[in-house]
Amino acid sequence: MFKNIVLLSAVVFFVLPLTIEANNLAQSTCEYIAADNKKRLRALLKDNRLKVKTLNKMVFCDNKDILLFADEKKAFEVGKMIVKKLPKKIIRKALPSLQHEALITAANDRVN
């Protein structure tokens, strides 16, 4: 019985804060992209020791990856930063889905 209580409290103590922190990270990321706030996004990446590539795998805003979300929200400054930091393979895959000329041009420049 005591082992079960210790195990349960360990799970609540260690896992729950990580989930809450991950949700805050995702929410902040989406807010900064929607606001086209490159400075805050960079600070978030630095503070959490993350790369854009990792963030692209972890965070989805409105069920879209961060590049397509930036395109949808017309966040061109953040979108250009994301294009510069993501691998070419991911950019090629996202290129047909981009809708705005500013990001299409940046993506084409990065891929070619």
PDB file of N, CA and C in Angstrom:
ATOM      1  N   MET A   1       0.823  -1.188   0.000  1.00  0.00           N
ATOM      2  CA  MET A   1       0.000   0.000   0.000  1.00  0.00           C
ATOM      3  C   MET A   1       0.867   1.251   0.000  1.00  0.00           C
ATOM      4  N   PHE A   2       1.902   1.235   0.837  1.00  0.00           N
ATOM      5  CA  PHE A   2       2.781   2.390   0.922  1.00  0.00           C
ATOM      6  C   PHE A   2       3.513   2.633  -0.408  1.00  0.00           C
ATOM      7  N   LYS A   3       3.914   1.537  -1.095  1.00  0.00           N
ATOM      8  CA  LYS A   3       4.592   1.660  -2.386  1.00  0.00           C
ATOM      9  C   LYS A   3       3.684   2.323  -3.412  1.00  0.00           C
ATOM     10  N   ASN A   4       2.410   1.969  -3.402  1.00  0.00           N
ATOM     11  CA  ASN A   4       1.457   2.557  -4.337  1.00  0.00           C
ATOM     12  C   ASN A   4       1.295   4.060  -4.104  1.00  0.00           C
ATOM     13  N   ILE A   5       1.243   4.452  -2.851  1.00  0.00           N
ATOM     14  CA  ILE A   5       1.087   5.869  -2.521  1.00  0.00           C
ATOM     15  C   ILE A   5       2.332   6.645  -2.949  1.00  0.00           C
ATOM     16  N   VAL A   6       3.507   6.085  -2.679  1.00  0.00           N
ATOM     17  CA  VAL A   6       4.755   6.741  -3.054  1.00  0.00           C
ATOM     18  C   VAL A   6       4.841   6.861  -4.569  1.00  0.00           C
ATOM     19  N   LEU A   7       4.500   5.802  -5.279  1.00  0.00           N
ATOM     20  CA  LEU A   7       4.542   5.816  -6.737  1.00  0.00           C
ATOM     21  C   LEU A   7       3.559   6.835  -7.303  1.00  0.00           C
ATOM     22  N   LEU A   8       2.352   6.865  -6.770  1.00  0.00           N
ATOM     23  CA  LEU A   8       1.338   7.808  -7.234  1.00  0.00           C
ATOM     24  C   LEU A   8       1.768   9.245  -6.972  1.00  0.00           C
ATOM     25  N   SER A   9       2.302   9.502  -5.796  1.00  0.00           N
ATOM     26  CA  SER A   9       2.735  10.868  -5.492  1.00  0.00           C
ATOM     27  C   SER A   9       3.933  11.264  -6.356  1.00  0.00           C
ATOM     28  N   ALA A  10       4.795  10.322  -6.677  1.00  0.00           N
ATOM     29  CA  ALA A  10       5.927  10.616  -7.556  1.00  0.00           C
ATOM     30  C   ALA A  10       5.438  10.972  -8.958  1.00  0.00           C
ATOM     31  N   VAL A  11       4.452  10.253  -9.448  1.00  0.00           N
ATOM     32  CA  VAL A  11       3.885  10.538 -10.769  1.00  0.00           C
ATOM     33  C   VAL A  11       3.245  11.912 -10.780  1.00  0.00           C
ATOM     34  N   VAL A  12       2.461  12.234  -9.789  1.00  0.00           N
ATOM     35  CA  VAL A  12       1.793  13.532  -9.715  1.00  0.00           C
ATOM     36  C   VAL A  12       2.827  14.645  -9.566  1.00  0.00           C
ATOM     37  N   PHE A  13       3.852  14.419  -8.778  1.00  0.00           N
ATOM     38  CA  PHE A  13       4.844  15.447  -8.508  1.00  0.00           C
ATOM     39  C   PHE A  13       5.716  15.744  -9.726  1.00  0.00           C
ATOM     40  N   PHE A  14       6.115  14.715 -10.482  1.00  0.00           N
ATOM     41  CA  PHE A  14       7.055  14.906 -11.585  1.00  0.00           C
ATOM     42  C   PHE A  14       6.374  15.046 -12.948  1.00  0.00           C
ATOM     43  N   VAL A  15       5.365  14.282 -13.239  1.00  0.00           N
ATOM     44  CA  VAL A  15       4.756  14.268 -14.565  1.00  0.00           C
ATOM     45  C   VAL A  15       3.791  15.429 -14.760  1.00  0.00           C
ATOM     46  N   LEU A  16       2.981  15.720 -13.796  1.00  0.00           N
ATOM     47  CA  LEU A  16       1.982  16.779 -13.934  1.00  0.00           C
ATOM     48  C   LEU A  16       2.597  18.147 -14.216  1.00  0.00           C
ATOM     49  N   PRO A  17       3.654  18.566 -13.506  1.00  0.00           N
ATOM     50  CA  PRO A  17       4.258  19.867 -13.835  1.00  0.00           C
ATOM     51  C   PRO A  17       4.842  19.911 -15.252  1.00  0.00           C
ATOM     52  N   LEU A  18       5.387  18.787 -15.735  1.00  0.00           N
ATOM     53  CA  LEU A  18       5.928  18.763 -17.090  1.00  0.00           C
ATOM     54  C   LEU A  18       4.821  18.959 -18.115  1.00  0.00           C
ATOM     55  N   THR A  19       3.659  18.365 -17.877  1.00  0.00           N
ATOM     56  CA  THR A  19       2.531  18.518 -18.782  1.00  0.00           C
ATOM     57  C   THR A  19       2.042  19.954 -18.782  1.00  0.00           C
ATOM     58  N   ILE A  20       1.942  20.549 -17.615  1.00  0.00           N
ATOM     59  CA  ILE A  20       1.493  21.939 -17.517  1.00  0.00           C
ATOM     60  C   ILE A  20       2.500  22.859 -18.203  1.00  0.00           C
ATOM     61  N   GLU A  21       3.788  22.619 -17.981  1.00  0.00           N
ATOM     62  CA  GLU A  21       4.818  23.440 -18.602  1.00  0.00           C
ATOM     63  C   GLU A  21       4.789  23.299 -20.124  1.00  0.00           C
ATOM     64  N   ALA A  22       4.577  22.091 -20.623  1.00  0.00           N
ATOM     65  CA  ALA A  22       4.498  21.867 -22.067  1.00  0.00           C
ATOM     66  C   ALA A  22       3.299  22.589 -22.667  1.00  0.00           C
ATOM     67  N   ASN A  23       2.170  22.581 -21.959  1.00  0.00           N
ATOM     68  CA  ASN A  23       0.996  23.296 -22.446  1.00  0.00           C
ATOM     69  C   ASN A  23       1.252  24.801 -22.490  1.00  0.00           C
ATOM     70  N   ASN A  24       1.905  25.327 -21.458  1.00  0.00           N
ATOM     71  CA  ASN A  24       2.238  26.755 -21.441  1.00  0.00           C
ATOM     72  C   ASN A  24       3.197  27.107 -22.565  1.00  0.00           C
ATOM     73  N   LEU A  25       4.162  26.237 -22.817  1.00  0.00           N
ATOM     74  CA  LEU A  25       5.123  26.455 -23.894  1.00  0.00           C
ATOM     75  C   LEU A  25       4.413  26.496 -25.246  1.00  0.00           C
ATOM     76  N   ALA A  26       3.536  25.551 -25.480  1.00  0.00           N
ATOM     77  CA  ALA A  26       2.800  25.501 -26.751  1.00  0.00           C
ATOM     78  C   ALA A  26       1.897  26.721 -26.902  1.00  0.00           C
ATOM     79  N   GLN A  27       1.213  27.077 -25.849  1.00  0.00           N
ATOM     80  CA  GLN A  27       0.311  28.222 -25.906  1.00  0.00           C
ATOM     81  C   GLN A  27       1.103  29.510 -26.158  1.00  0.00           C
ATOM     82  N   SER A  28       2.197  29.688 -25.462  1.00  0.00           N
ATOM     83  CA  SER A  28       3.023  30.880 -25.658  1.00  0.00           C
ATOM     84  C   SER A  28       3.577  30.932 -27.075  1.00  0.00           C
ATOM     85  N   THR A  29       4.018  29.786 -27.577  1.00  0.00           N
ATOM     86  CA  THR A  29       4.549  29.728 -28.937  1.00  0.00           C
ATOM     87  C   THR A  29       3.502  30.175 -29.944  1.00  0.00           C
ATOM     88  N   CYS A  30       2.312  29.652 -29.834  1.00  0.00           N
ATOM     89  CA  CYS A  30       1.237  30.009 -30.762  1.00  0.00           C
ATOM     90  C   CYS A  30       0.874  31.488 -30.647  1.00  0.00           C
ATOM     91  N   GLU A  31       0.861  32.017 -29.440  1.00  0.00           N
ATOM     92  CA  GLU A  31       0.548  33.435 -29.248  1.00  0.00           C
ATOM     93  C   GLU A  31       1.614  34.328 -29.871  1.00  0.00           C
ATOM     94  N   TYR A  32       2.879  33.977 -29.693  1.00  0.00           N
ATOM     95  CA  TYR A  32       3.960  34.791 -30.245  1.00  0.00           C
ATOM     96  C   TYR A  32       3.969  34.737 -31.762  1.00  0.00           C
ATOM     97  N   ILE A  33       3.664  33.578 -32.321  1.00  0.00           N
ATOM     98  CA  ILE A  33       3.602  33.469 -33.779  1.00  0.00           C
ATOM     99  C   ILE A  33       2.433  34.287 -34.307  1.00  0.00           C
ATOM    100  N   ALA A  34       1.267  34.159 -33.697  1.00  0.00           N
ATOM    101  CA  ALA A  34       0.083  34.903 -34.150  1.00  0.00           C
ATOM    102  C   ALA A  34       0.305  36.410 -34.061  1.00  0.00           C
ATOM    103  N   ALA A  35       1.070  36.848 -33.073  1.00  0.00           N
ATOM    104  CA  ALA A  35       1.349  38.276 -32.904  1.00  0.00           C
ATOM    105  C   ALA A  35       2.539  38.735 -33.746  1.00  0.00           C
ATOM    106  N   ASP A  36       3.170  37.802 -34.452  1.00  0.00           N
ATOM    107  CA  ASP A  36       4.352  38.077 -35.269  1.00  0.00           C
ATOM    108  C   ASP A  36       5.449  38.710 -34.417  1.00  0.00           C
ATOM    109  N   ASN A  37       5.660  38.139 -33.217  1.00  0.00           N
ATOM    110  CA  ASN A  37       6.634  38.672 -32.266  1.00  0.00           C
ATOM    111  C   ASN A  37       7.880  37.784 -32.265  1.00  0.00           C
ATOM    112  N   LYS A  38       8.786  38.115 -33.163  1.00  0.00           N
ATOM    113  CA  LYS A  38      10.007  37.329 -33.330  1.00  0.00           C
ATOM    114  C   LYS A  38      10.904  37.413 -32.094  1.00  0.00           C
ATOM    115  N   LYS A  39      10.949  38.561 -31.468  1.00  0.00           N
ATOM    116  CA  LYS A  39      11.802  38.752 -30.287  1.00  0.00           C
ATOM    117  C   LYS A  39      11.380  37.823 -29.140  1.00  0.00           C
ATOM    118  N   ARG A  40      10.097  37.774 -28.866  1.00  0.00           N
ATOM    119  CA  ARG A  40       9.624  36.909 -27.772  1.00  0.00           C
ATOM    120  C   ARG A  40       9.778  35.434 -28.111  1.00  0.00           C
ATOM    121  N   LEU A  41       9.563  35.085 -29.371  1.00  0.00           N
ATOM    122  CA  LEU A  41       9.729  33.684 -29.775  1.00  0.00           C
ATOM    123  C   LEU A  41      11.180  33.252 -29.604  1.00  0.00           C
ATOM    124  N   ARG A  42      12.102  34.114 -29.989  1.00  0.00           N
ATOM    125  CA  ARG A  42      13.527  33.798 -29.795  1.00  0.00           C
ATOM    126  C   ARG A  42      13.866  33.649 -28.319  1.00  0.00           C
ATOM    127  N   ALA A  43      13.325  34.519 -27.495  1.00  0.00           N
ATOM    128  CA  ALA A  43      13.568  34.428 -26.047  1.00  0.00           C
ATOM    129  C   ALA A  43      13.001  33.126 -25.490  1.00  0.00           C
ATOM    130  N   LEU A  44      11.823  32.738 -25.945  1.00  0.00           N
ATOM    131  CA  LEU A  44      11.211  31.484 -25.509  1.00  0.00           C
ATOM    132  C   LEU A  44      12.087  30.291 -25.888  1.00  0.00           C
ATOM    133  N   LEU A  45      12.597  30.314 -27.101  1.00  0.00           N
ATOM    134  CA  LEU A  45      13.478  29.234 -27.552  1.00  0.00           C
ATOM    135  C   LEU A  45      14.750  29.189 -26.702  1.00  0.00           C
ATOM    136  N   LYS A  46      15.334  30.335 -26.455  1.00  0.00           N
ATOM    137  CA  LYS A  46      16.568  30.392 -25.684  1.00  0.00           C
ATOM    138  C   LYS A  46      16.343  29.968 -24.238  1.00  0.00           C
ATOM    139  N   ASP A  47      15.290  30.465 -23.618  1.00  0.00           N
ATOM    140  CA  ASP A  47      15.014  30.150 -22.212  1.00  0.00           C
ATOM    141  C   ASP A  47      14.755  28.666 -21.997  1.00  0.00           C
ATOM    142  N   ASN A  48      14.141  28.018 -22.990  1.00  0.00           N
ATOM    143  CA  ASN A  48      13.807  26.601 -22.857  1.00  0.00           C
ATOM    144  C   ASN A  48      14.800  25.683 -23.561  1.00  0.00           C
ATOM    145  N   ARG A  49      15.890  26.289 -24.071  1.00  0.00           N
ATOM    146  CA  ARG A  49      16.950  25.543 -24.753  1.00  0.00           C
ATOM    147  C   ARG A  49      16.381  24.667 -25.868  1.00  0.00           C
ATOM    148  N   LEU A  50      15.580  25.296 -26.713  1.00  0.00           N
ATOM    149  CA  LEU A  50      14.946  24.593 -27.822  1.00  0.00           C
ATOM    150  C   LEU A  50      15.432  25.149 -29.146  1.00  0.00           C
ATOM    151  N   LYS A  51      15.280  24.349 -30.174  1.00  0.00           N
ATOM    152  CA  LYS A  51      15.538  24.790 -31.533  1.00  0.00           C
ATOM    153  C   LYS A  51      14.211  24.823 -32.272  1.00  0.00           C
ATOM    154  N   VAL A  52      14.172  25.580 -33.347  1.00  0.00           N
ATOM    155  CA  VAL A  52      12.945  25.685 -34.138  1.00  0.00           C
ATOM    156  C   VAL A  52      12.543  24.317 -34.670  1.00  0.00           C
ATOM    157  N   LYS A  53      13.517  23.512 -35.050  1.00  0.00           N
ATOM    158  CA  LYS A  53      13.237  22.159 -35.560  1.00  0.00           C
ATOM    159  C   LYS A  53      12.509  21.327 -34.505  1.00  0.00           C
ATOM    160  N   THR A  54      12.955  21.392 -33.272  1.00  0.00           N
ATOM    161  CA  THR A  54      12.315  20.665 -32.178  1.00  0.00           C
ATOM    162  C   THR A  54      10.923  21.218 -31.906  1.00  0.00           C
ATOM    163  N   LEU A  55      10.810  22.529 -31.920  1.00  0.00           N
ATOM    164  CA  LEU A  55       9.522  23.172 -31.692  1.00  0.00           C
ATOM    165  C   LEU A  55       8.523  22.778 -32.776  1.00  0.00           C
ATOM    166  N   ASN A  56       8.996  22.655 -34.000  1.00  0.00           N
ATOM    167  CA  ASN A  56       8.140  22.274 -35.115  1.00  0.00           C
ATOM    168  C   ASN A  56       7.568  20.863 -34.933  1.00  0.00           C
ATOM    169  N   LYS A  57       8.331  19.997 -34.294  1.00  0.00           N
ATOM    170  CA  LYS A  57       7.857  18.632 -34.031  1.00  0.00           C
ATOM    171  C   LYS A  57       6.899  18.577 -32.842  1.00  0.00           C
ATOM    172  N   MET A  58       7.099  19.461 -31.866  1.00  0.00           N
ATOM    173  CA  MET A  58       6.354  19.402 -30.607  1.00  0.00           C
ATOM    174  C   MET A  58       5.039  20.168 -30.622  1.00  0.00           C
ATOM    175  N   VAL A  59       5.026  21.311 -31.276  1.00  0.00           N
ATOM    176  CA  VAL A  59       3.917  22.257 -31.127  1.00  0.00           C
ATOM    177  C   VAL A  59       3.097  22.342 -32.406  1.00  0.00           C
ATOM    178  N   PHE A  60       1.784  22.264 -32.233  1.00  0.00           N
ATOM    179  CA  PHE A  60       0.845  22.463 -33.333  1.00  0.00           C
ATOM    180  C   PHE A  60      -0.159  23.527 -32.897  1.00  0.00           C
ATOM    181  N   CYS A  61      -0.329  24.526 -33.730  1.00  0.00           N
ATOM    182  CA  CYS A  61      -1.263  25.612 -33.461  1.00  0.00           C
ATOM    183  C   CYS A  61      -2.438  25.459 -34.424  1.00  0.00           C
ATOM    184  N   ASP A  62      -3.626  25.312 -33.905  1.00  0.00           N
ATOM    185  CA  ASP A  62      -4.815  25.061 -34.729  1.00  0.00           C
ATOM    186  C   ASP A  62      -4.606  23.863 -35.653  1.00  0.00           C
ATOM    187  N   ASN A  63      -3.976  22.819 -35.142  1.00  0.00           N
ATOM    188  CA  ASN A  63      -3.679  21.587 -35.875  1.00  0.00           C
ATOM    189  C   ASN A  63      -2.799  21.801 -37.100  1.00  0.00           C
ATOM    190  N   LYS A  64      -1.960  22.826 -37.053  1.00  0.00           N
ATOM    191  CA  LYS A  64      -0.999  23.101 -38.126  1.00  0.00           C
ATOM    192  C   LYS A  64       0.378  23.225 -37.500  1.00  0.00           C
ATOM    193  N   ASP A  65       1.392  22.888 -38.290  1.00  0.00           N
ATOM    194  CA  ASP A  65       2.736  23.104 -37.766  1.00  0.00           C
ATOM    195  C   ASP A  65       3.007  24.609 -37.717  1.00  0.00           C
ATOM    196  N   ILE A  66       4.084  24.991 -37.088  1.00  0.00           N
ATOM    197  CA  ILE A  66       4.304  26.404 -36.810  1.00  0.00           C
ATOM    198  C   ILE A  66       4.505  27.236 -38.072  1.00  0.00           C
ATOM    199  N   LEU A  67       5.081  26.668 -39.116  1.00  0.00           N
ATOM    200  CA  LEU A  67       5.281  27.421 -40.355  1.00  0.00           C
ATOM    201  C   LEU A  67       3.947  27.709 -41.042  1.00  0.00           C
ATOM    202  N   LEU A  68       3.097  26.707 -41.146  1.00  0.00           N
ATOM    203  CA  LEU A  68       1.790  26.915 -41.787  1.00  0.00           C
ATOM    204  C   LEU A  68       0.901  27.827 -40.948  1.00  0.00           C
ATOM    205  N   PHE A  69       1.040  27.748 -39.627  1.00  0.00           N
ATOM    206  CA  PHE A  69       0.289  28.647 -38.754  1.00  0.00           C
ATOM    207  C   PHE A  69       0.754  30.092 -38.949  1.00  0.00           C
ATOM    208  N   ALA A  70       2.055  30.299 -39.054  1.00  0.00           N
ATOM    209  CA  ALA A  70       2.584  31.647 -39.302  1.00  0.00           C
ATOM    210  C   ALA A  70       2.071  32.174 -40.638  1.00  0.00           C
ATOM    211  N   ASP A  71       2.000  31.314 -41.639  1.00  0.00           N
ATOM    212  CA  ASP A  71       1.479  31.712 -42.949  1.00  0.00           C
ATOM    213  C   ASP A  71       0.008  32.097 -42.845  1.00  0.00           C
ATOM    214  N   GLU A  72      -0.761  31.304 -42.125  1.00  0.00           N
ATOM    215  CA  GLU A  72      -2.193  31.579 -41.966  1.00  0.00           C
ATOM    216  C   GLU A  72      -2.433  32.904 -41.247  1.00  0.00           C
ATOM    217  N   LYS A  73      -1.628  33.194 -40.236  1.00  0.00           N
ATOM    218  CA  LYS A  73      -1.794  34.411 -39.438  1.00  0.00           C
ATOM    219  C   LYS A  73      -1.072  35.622 -40.033  1.00  0.00           C
ATOM    220  N   LYS A  74      -0.472  35.432 -41.192  1.00  0.00           N
ATOM    221  CA  LYS A  74       0.273  36.498 -41.881  1.00  0.00           C
ATOM    222  C   LYS A  74       1.390  37.051 -40.999  1.00  0.00           C
ATOM    223  N   ALA A  75       2.032  36.153 -40.279  1.00  0.00           N
ATOM    224  CA  ALA A  75       3.162  36.505 -39.418  1.00  0.00           C
ATOM    225  C   ALA A  75       4.442  36.306 -40.219  1.00  0.00           C
ATOM    226  N   PHE A  76       4.723  37.258 -41.104  1.00  0.00           N
ATOM    227  CA  PHE A  76       5.791  37.077 -42.071  1.00  0.00           C
ATOM    228  C   PHE A  76       7.181  37.147 -41.461  1.00  0.00           C
ATOM    229  N   GLU A  77       7.394  37.988 -40.463  1.00  0.00           N
ATOM    230  CA  GLU A  77       8.716  38.079 -39.837  1.00  0.00           C
ATOM    231  C   GLU A  77       9.055  36.773 -39.108  1.00  0.00           C
ATOM    232  N   VAL A  78       8.124  36.280 -38.325  1.00  0.00           N
ATOM    233  CA  VAL A  78       8.333  35.005 -37.626  1.00  0.00           C
ATOM    234  C   VAL A  78       8.424  33.874 -38.643  1.00  0.00           C
ATOM    235  N   GLY A  79       7.595  33.922 -39.657  1.00  0.00           N
ATOM    236  CA  GLY A  79       7.612  32.886 -40.694  1.00  0.00           C
ATOM    237  C   GLY A  79       8.952  32.811 -41.402  1.00  0.00           C
ATOM    238  N   LYS A  80       9.529  33.961 -41.716  1.00  0.00           N
ATOM    239  CA  LYS A  80      10.847  33.977 -42.367  1.00  0.00           C
ATOM    240  C   LYS A  80      11.914  33.405 -41.441  1.00  0.00           C
ATOM    241  N   MET A  81      11.816  33.716 -40.147  1.00  0.00           N
ATOM    242  CA  MET A  81      12.760  33.166 -39.188  1.00  0.00           C
ATOM    243  C   MET A  81      12.633  31.640 -39.130  1.00  0.00           C
ATOM    244  N   ILE A  82      11.401  31.154 -39.122  1.00  0.00           N
ATOM    245  CA  ILE A  82      11.160  29.707 -39.082  1.00  0.00           C
ATOM    246  C   ILE A  82      11.725  29.045 -40.329  1.00  0.00           C
ATOM    247  N   VAL A  83      11.508  29.670 -41.485  1.00  0.00           N
ATOM    248  CA  VAL A  83      12.031  29.126 -42.750  1.00  0.00           C
ATOM    249  C   VAL A  83      13.551  29.033 -42.698  1.00  0.00           C
ATOM    250  N   LYS A  84      14.215  30.035 -42.149  1.00  0.00           N
ATOM    251  CA  LYS A  84      15.675  30.030 -42.069  1.00  0.00           C
ATOM    252  C   LYS A  84      16.200  28.940 -41.146  1.00  0.00           C
ATOM    253  N   LYS A  85      15.420  28.591 -40.120  1.00  0.00           N
ATOM    254  CA  LYS A  85      15.902  27.658 -39.099  1.00  0.00           C
ATOM    255  C   LYS A  85      15.506  26.197 -39.347  1.00  0.00           C
ATOM    256  N   LEU A  86      14.481  25.958 -40.150  1.00  0.00           N
ATOM    257  CA  LEU A  86      14.051  24.584 -40.401  1.00  0.00           C
ATOM    258  C   LEU A  86      14.903  23.937 -41.488  1.00  0.00           C
ATOM    259  N   PRO A  87      15.049  22.625 -41.449  1.00  0.00           N
ATOM    260  CA  PRO A  87      15.779  21.927 -42.513  1.00  0.00           C
ATOM    261  C   PRO A  87      15.054  22.057 -43.860  1.00  0.00           C
ATOM    262  N   LYS A  88      15.827  22.000 -44.925  1.00  0.00           N
ATOM    263  CA  LYS A  88      15.278  22.148 -46.276  1.00  0.00           C
ATOM    264  C   LYS A  88      14.218  21.086 -46.587  1.00  0.00           C
ATOM    265  N   LYS A  89      14.409  19.915 -46.069  1.00  0.00           N
ATOM    266  CA  LYS A  89      13.467  18.817 -46.307  1.00  0.00           C
ATOM    267  C   LYS A  89      12.064  19.181 -45.804  1.00  0.00           C
ATOM    268  N   ILE A  90      11.981  19.771 -44.644  1.00  0.00           N
ATOM    269  CA  ILE A  90      10.691  20.170 -44.066  1.00  0.00           C
ATOM    270  C   ILE A  90      10.099  21.336 -44.859  1.00  0.00           C
ATOM    271  N   ILE A  91      10.957  22.252 -45.306  1.00  0.00           N
ATOM    272  CA  ILE A  91      10.492  23.395 -46.090  1.00  0.00           C
ATOM    273  C   ILE A  91       9.898  22.918 -47.415  1.00  0.00           C
ATOM    274  N   ARG A  92      10.588  21.989 -48.086  1.00  0.00           N
ATOM    275  CA  ARG A  92      10.070  21.435 -49.354  1.00  0.00           C
ATOM    276  C   ARG A  92       8.690  20.817 -49.167  1.00  0.00           C
ATOM    277  N   LYS A  93       8.512  20.122 -48.066  1.00  0.00           N
ATOM    278  CA  LYS A  93       7.242  19.460 -47.783  1.00  0.00           C
ATOM    279  C   LYS A  93       6.126  20.481 -47.536  1.00  0.00           C
ATOM    280  N   ALA A  94       6.452  21.602 -46.901  1.00  0.00           N
ATOM    281  CA  ALA A  94       5.448  22.607 -46.560  1.00  0.00           C
ATOM    282  C   ALA A  94       5.197  23.605 -47.683  1.00  0.00           C
ATOM    283  N   LEU A  95       6.110  23.696 -48.622  1.00  0.00           N
ATOM    284  CA  LEU A  95       6.036  24.721 -49.674  1.00  0.00           C
ATOM    285  C   LEU A  95       4.721  24.729 -50.455  1.00  0.00           C
ATOM    286  N   PRO A  96       4.185  23.581 -50.882  1.00  0.00           N
ATOM    287  CA  PRO A  96       2.913  23.623 -51.623  1.00  0.00           C
ATOM    288  C   PRO A  96       1.735  24.151 -50.801  1.00  0.00           C
ATOM    289  N   SER A  97       1.821  24.091 -49.488  1.00  0.00           N
ATOM    290  CA  SER A  97       0.724  24.532 -48.629  1.00  0.00           C
ATOM    291  C   SER A  97       0.790  26.016 -48.283  1.00  0.00           C
ATOM    292  N   LEU A  98       1.919  26.660 -48.544  1.00  0.00           N
ATOM    293  CA  LEU A  98       2.052  28.082 -48.227  1.00  0.00           C
ATOM    294  C   LEU A  98       1.194  28.915 -49.177  1.00  0.00           C
ATOM    295  N   GLN A  99       0.609  29.998 -48.646  1.00  0.00           N
ATOM    296  CA  GLN A  99      -0.325  30.787 -49.430  1.00  0.00           C
ATOM    297  C   GLN A  99       0.142  32.204 -49.710  1.00  0.00           C
ATOM    298  N   HIS A 100       1.025  32.752 -48.906  1.00  0.00           N
ATOM    299  CA  HIS A 100       1.408  34.153 -49.045  1.00  0.00           C
ATOM    300  C   HIS A 100       2.783  34.286 -49.679  1.00  0.00           C
ATOM    301  N   GLU A 101       2.888  35.235 -50.573  1.00  0.00           N
ATOM    302  CA  GLU A 101       4.081  35.405 -51.403  1.00  0.00           C
ATOM    303  C   GLU A 101       5.356  35.619 -50.593  1.00  0.00           C
ATOM    304  N   ALA A 102       5.264  36.338 -49.487  1.00  0.00           N
ATOM    305  CA  ALA A 102       6.461  36.616 -48.685  1.00  0.00           C
ATOM    306  C   ALA A 102       7.108  35.324 -48.174  1.00  0.00           C
ATOM    307  N   LEU A 103       6.303  34.404 -47.692  1.00  0.00           N
ATOM    308  CA  LEU A 103       6.858  33.145 -47.185  1.00  0.00           C
ATOM    309  C   LEU A 103       7.197  32.185 -48.317  1.00  0.00           C
ATOM    310  N   ILE A 104       6.448  32.236 -49.399  1.00  0.00           N
ATOM    311  CA  ILE A 104       6.764  31.378 -50.550  1.00  0.00           C
ATOM    312  C   ILE A 104       8.138  31.760 -51.102  1.00  0.00           C
ATOM    313  N   THR A 105       8.388  33.050 -51.221  1.00  0.00           N
ATOM    314  CA  THR A 105       9.680  33.526 -51.710  1.00  0.00           C
ATOM    315  C   THR A 105      10.809  33.106 -50.768  1.00  0.00           C
ATOM    316  N   ALA A 106      10.612  33.288 -49.469  1.00  0.00           N
ATOM    317  CA  ALA A 106      11.632  32.900 -48.490  1.00  0.00           C
ATOM    318  C   ALA A 106      11.892  31.394 -48.532  1.00  0.00           C
ATOM    319  N   ALA A 107      10.819  30.624 -48.668  1.00  0.00           N
ATOM    320  CA  ALA A 107      10.967  29.166 -48.722  1.00  0.00           C
ATOM    321  C   ALA A 107      11.688  28.735 -50.007  1.00  0.00           C
ATOM    322  N   ASN A 108      11.332  29.340 -51.134  1.00  0.00           N
ATOM    323  CA  ASN A 108      12.006  29.014 -52.396  1.00  0.00           C
ATOM    324  C   ASN A 108      13.485  29.371 -52.339  1.00  0.00           C
ATOM    325  N   ASP A 109      13.799  30.511 -51.749  1.00  0.00           N
ATOM    326  CA  ASP A 109      15.203  30.913 -51.596  1.00  0.00           C
ATOM    327  C   ASP A 109      15.969  29.927 -50.732  1.00  0.00           C
ATOM    328  N   ARG A 110      15.330  29.435 -49.692  1.00  0.00           N
ATOM    329  CA  ARG A 110      15.984  28.482 -48.776  1.00  0.00           C
ATOM    330  C   ARG A 110      16.184  27.121 -49.439  1.00  0.00           C
ATOM    331  N   VAL A 111      15.217  26.670 -50.204  1.00  0.00           N
ATOM    332  CA  VAL A 111      15.278  25.354 -50.821  1.00  0.00           C
ATOM    333  C   VAL A 111      16.242  25.353 -52.004  1.00  0.00           C
ATOM    334  N   ASN A 112      16.255  26.415 -52.771  1.00  0.00           N
ATOM    335  CA  ASN A 112      17.104  26.464 -53.985  1.00  0.00           C
ATOM    336  C   ASN A 112      18.462  27.063 -53.738  1.00  0.00           C
TER     337      ASN A 112
END
